[in-house]
Amino acid sequence: MELPREDFAIFGDLAVLPAWRGQGIERRLHDAVLTFRDETGSVLFADSTDATMRGIYRNWRHVWRTAGGSADRCAPPRC
């Protein structure tokens, strides 16, 4: 996949154990990753077949773009 610029961050495998879910921990981790970095853009790879995760990222104002295969590229609005 070709990224639009050199100063781009890619992160994945953001997960919270079931016992800790529903407390806003994943959102805080997500926001920290995007806030405390030097890059001006980011790409999140996520399973496009997971409707729950798509809904979460949509609520967080991510924009989904197809990257090919079974995953979508999810780019935050600040990118």
N, C-alpha and C. Protein backbone atom coordinates (compact mmCIF):
# COMPACT_ATOMS: atom_id res chain seq x y z
N MET A 1 0.84 -1.18 0.00
CA MET A 1 0.00 0.00 0.00
C MET A 1 0.88 1.24 0.00
N GLU A 2 0.55 2.18 -0.80
CA GLU A 2 1.30 3.43 -0.87
C GLU A 2 0.66 4.45 0.06
N LEU A 3 1.47 5.03 0.93
CA LEU A 3 0.98 6.04 1.85
C LEU A 3 1.17 7.42 1.24
N PRO A 4 0.32 8.37 1.58
CA PRO A 4 0.34 9.67 0.93
C PRO A 4 1.55 10.55 1.26
N ARG A 5 2.24 10.29 2.33
CA ARG A 5 3.41 11.10 2.69
C ARG A 5 4.34 10.29 3.58
N GLU A 6 5.56 10.77 3.76
CA GLU A 6 6.55 10.03 4.51
C GLU A 6 6.30 10.02 6.01
N ASP A 7 5.78 11.09 6.56
CA ASP A 7 5.60 11.18 8.01
C ASP A 7 4.24 10.63 8.43
N PHE A 8 4.10 9.33 8.25
CA PHE A 8 2.85 8.64 8.52
C PHE A 8 3.08 7.56 9.55
N ALA A 9 2.19 7.42 10.51
CA ALA A 9 2.27 6.36 11.52
C ALA A 9 1.25 5.29 11.19
N ILE A 10 1.61 4.05 11.45
CA ILE A 10 0.68 2.93 11.29
C ILE A 10 0.62 2.21 12.62
N PHE A 11 -0.59 1.99 13.13
CA PHE A 11 -0.70 1.21 14.35
C PHE A 11 -1.82 0.20 14.21
N GLY A 12 -1.72 -0.86 14.98
CA GLY A 12 -2.73 -1.92 14.90
C GLY A 12 -2.72 -2.74 16.18
N ASP A 13 -3.58 -3.72 16.22
CA ASP A 13 -3.68 -4.63 17.36
C ASP A 13 -3.96 -3.90 18.67
N LEU A 14 -4.79 -2.90 18.60
CA LEU A 14 -5.23 -2.20 19.81
C LEU A 14 -6.36 -3.03 20.40
N ALA A 15 -6.16 -3.52 21.61
CA ALA A 15 -7.17 -4.40 22.22
C ALA A 15 -7.20 -4.19 23.73
N VAL A 16 -8.36 -4.42 24.29
CA VAL A 16 -8.56 -4.36 25.73
C VAL A 16 -9.16 -5.69 26.15
N LEU A 17 -8.64 -6.26 27.23
CA LEU A 17 -9.17 -7.54 27.72
C LEU A 17 -10.65 -7.39 28.06
N PRO A 18 -11.43 -8.46 27.85
CA PRO A 18 -12.87 -8.39 28.08
C PRO A 18 -13.26 -7.84 29.46
N ALA A 19 -12.53 -8.20 30.49
CA ALA A 19 -12.87 -7.75 31.85
C ALA A 19 -12.75 -6.23 32.00
N TRP A 20 -11.99 -5.58 31.13
CA TRP A 20 -11.75 -4.14 31.23
C TRP A 20 -12.53 -3.33 30.20
N ARG A 21 -13.31 -3.98 29.37
CA ARG A 21 -14.06 -3.28 28.32
C ARG A 21 -15.23 -2.48 28.90
N GLY A 22 -15.68 -1.51 28.15
CA GLY A 22 -16.83 -0.70 28.57
C GLY A 22 -16.46 0.41 29.53
N GLN A 23 -15.16 0.67 29.72
CA GLN A 23 -14.72 1.71 30.64
C GLN A 23 -14.02 2.87 29.93
N GLY A 24 -14.03 2.84 28.60
CA GLY A 24 -13.39 3.90 27.84
C GLY A 24 -11.88 3.76 27.72
N ILE A 25 -11.34 2.61 28.10
CA ILE A 25 -9.89 2.40 28.07
C ILE A 25 -9.38 2.37 26.63
N GLU A 26 -10.08 1.67 25.75
CA GLU A 26 -9.62 1.60 24.36
C GLU A 26 -9.61 2.99 23.72
N ARG A 27 -10.62 3.77 24.00
CA ARG A 27 -10.67 5.13 23.44
C ARG A 27 -9.50 5.95 23.94
N ARG A 28 -9.19 5.85 25.23
CA ARG A 28 -8.07 6.63 25.78
C ARG A 28 -6.74 6.18 25.20
N LEU A 29 -6.56 4.86 25.01
CA LEU A 29 -5.34 4.36 24.38
C LEU A 29 -5.23 4.87 22.94
N HIS A 30 -6.32 4.76 22.22
CA HIS A 30 -6.39 5.23 20.83
C HIS A 30 -6.02 6.71 20.75
N ASP A 31 -6.64 7.53 21.60
CA ASP A 31 -6.38 8.96 21.58
C ASP A 31 -4.93 9.28 21.95
N ALA A 32 -4.37 8.53 22.90
CA ALA A 32 -2.98 8.74 23.30
C ALA A 32 -2.03 8.43 22.15
N VAL A 33 -2.30 7.35 21.42
CA VAL A 33 -1.45 7.00 20.28
C VAL A 33 -1.47 8.13 19.25
N LEU A 34 -2.63 8.68 18.99
CA LEU A 34 -2.74 9.73 17.97
C LEU A 34 -2.25 11.09 18.46
N THR A 35 -2.30 11.33 19.76
CA THR A 35 -1.90 12.62 20.31
C THR A 35 -0.38 12.73 20.49
N PHE A 36 0.24 11.67 21.02
CA PHE A 36 1.65 11.73 21.38
C PHE A 36 2.53 11.08 20.32
N ARG A 37 2.53 11.66 19.14
CA ARG A 37 3.36 11.17 18.04
C ARG A 37 3.79 12.36 17.22
N ASP A 38 4.88 12.18 16.49
CA ASP A 38 5.42 13.27 15.68
C ASP A 38 4.85 13.31 14.27
N GLU A 39 4.34 12.18 13.80
CA GLU A 39 3.83 12.11 12.42
C GLU A 39 2.58 12.98 12.27
N THR A 40 2.36 13.45 11.05
CA THR A 40 1.19 14.30 10.81
C THR A 40 -0.02 13.51 10.33
N GLY A 41 0.14 12.22 10.08
CA GLY A 41 -0.96 11.39 9.63
C GLY A 41 -0.85 10.00 10.20
N SER A 42 -1.89 9.21 10.07
CA SER A 42 -1.85 7.84 10.57
C SER A 42 -2.80 6.96 9.78
N VAL A 43 -2.55 5.67 9.84
CA VAL A 43 -3.41 4.68 9.20
C VAL A 43 -3.66 3.59 10.23
N LEU A 44 -4.90 3.19 10.36
CA LEU A 44 -5.28 2.09 11.24
C LEU A 44 -5.84 0.99 10.37
N PHE A 45 -5.26 -0.19 10.46
CA PHE A 45 -5.79 -1.33 9.71
C PHE A 45 -6.75 -2.08 10.62
N ALA A 46 -7.95 -2.34 10.13
CA ALA A 46 -8.97 -3.01 10.91
C ALA A 46 -9.75 -3.97 10.02
N ASP A 47 -10.33 -4.97 10.64
CA ASP A 47 -11.12 -5.96 9.92
C ASP A 47 -12.46 -5.35 9.52
N SER A 48 -12.66 -5.18 8.23
CA SER A 48 -13.89 -4.53 7.75
C SER A 48 -15.13 -5.39 7.95
N THR A 49 -14.96 -6.66 8.28
CA THR A 49 -16.12 -7.53 8.51
C THR A 49 -16.62 -7.46 9.95
N ASP A 50 -15.90 -6.79 10.82
CA ASP A 50 -16.28 -6.67 12.23
C ASP A 50 -17.16 -5.42 12.39
N ALA A 51 -18.46 -5.64 12.36
CA ALA A 51 -19.41 -4.52 12.41
C ALA A 51 -19.30 -3.72 13.70
N THR A 52 -19.01 -4.39 14.81
CA THR A 52 -18.88 -3.69 16.09
C THR A 52 -17.72 -2.70 16.05
N MET A 53 -16.57 -3.16 15.57
CA MET A 53 -15.40 -2.29 15.50
C MET A 53 -15.61 -1.16 14.49
N ARG A 54 -16.24 -1.47 13.37
CA ARG A 54 -16.52 -0.40 12.39
C ARG A 54 -17.38 0.68 13.03
N GLY A 55 -18.37 0.26 13.81
CA GLY A 55 -19.23 1.22 14.50
C GLY A 55 -18.47 2.07 15.50
N ILE A 56 -17.57 1.44 16.25
CA ILE A 56 -16.77 2.17 17.23
C ILE A 56 -15.91 3.22 16.53
N TYR A 57 -15.19 2.79 15.49
CA TYR A 57 -14.31 3.74 14.80
C TYR A 57 -15.12 4.82 14.08
N ARG A 58 -16.29 4.48 13.58
CA ARG A 58 -17.15 5.49 12.95
C ARG A 58 -17.58 6.52 13.99
N ASN A 59 -17.93 6.06 15.20
CA ASN A 59 -18.31 6.98 16.27
C ASN A 59 -17.15 7.88 16.67
N TRP A 60 -15.93 7.39 16.46
CA TRP A 60 -14.74 8.19 16.78
C TRP A 60 -14.35 9.07 15.61
N ARG A 61 -15.22 9.18 14.60
CA ARG A 61 -15.08 10.04 13.44
C ARG A 61 -13.94 9.63 12.51
N HIS A 62 -13.68 8.35 12.43
CA HIS A 62 -12.71 7.85 11.45
C HIS A 62 -13.39 7.74 10.10
N VAL A 63 -12.62 7.86 9.06
CA VAL A 63 -13.11 7.72 7.69
C VAL A 63 -12.55 6.43 7.13
N TRP A 64 -13.42 5.56 6.63
CA TRP A 64 -12.99 4.26 6.10
C TRP A 64 -12.67 4.37 4.63
N ARG A 65 -11.52 3.83 4.27
CA ARG A 65 -11.12 3.77 2.86
C ARG A 65 -10.63 2.36 2.59
N THR A 66 -11.10 1.77 1.51
CA THR A 66 -10.69 0.41 1.17
C THR A 66 -9.23 0.39 0.77
N ALA A 67 -8.50 -0.53 1.38
CA ALA A 67 -7.07 -0.67 1.08
C ALA A 67 -6.80 -1.94 0.29
N GLY A 68 -7.83 -2.76 0.09
CA GLY A 68 -7.66 -4.02 -0.62
C GLY A 68 -7.68 -5.18 0.35
N GLY A 69 -7.94 -6.37 -0.15
CA GLY A 69 -8.02 -7.54 0.71
C GLY A 69 -9.20 -7.47 1.64
N SER A 70 -9.07 -8.03 2.83
CA SER A 70 -10.18 -8.08 3.78
C SER A 70 -10.11 -6.96 4.80
N ALA A 71 -9.17 -6.04 4.66
CA ALA A 71 -9.04 -4.96 5.63
C ALA A 71 -9.34 -3.63 4.97
N ASP A 72 -9.76 -2.69 5.78
CA ASP A 72 -9.97 -1.31 5.34
C ASP A 72 -8.93 -0.43 6.01
N ARG A 73 -8.63 0.67 5.38
CA ARG A 73 -7.76 1.65 6.00
C ARG A 73 -8.66 2.66 6.69
N CYS A 74 -8.41 2.90 7.93
CA CYS A 74 -9.23 3.82 8.72
C CYS A 74 -8.37 5.03 9.06
N ALA A 75 -8.68 6.17 8.51
CA ALA A 75 -7.86 7.37 8.71
C ALA A 75 -8.61 8.38 9.56
N PRO A 76 -8.01 8.83 10.65
CA PRO A 76 -8.67 9.83 11.48
C PRO A 76 -8.92 11.12 10.70
N PRO A 77 -9.88 11.90 11.11
CA PRO A 77 -10.22 13.11 10.37
C PRO A 77 -9.09 14.13 10.36
N ARG A 78 -8.14 14.06 11.28
CA ARG A 78 -7.07 15.05 11.30
C ARG A 78 -6.00 14.74 10.27
N CYS A 79 -6.06 13.62 9.57
CA CYS A 79 -5.06 13.25 8.57
C CYS A 79 -5.34 13.93 7.25
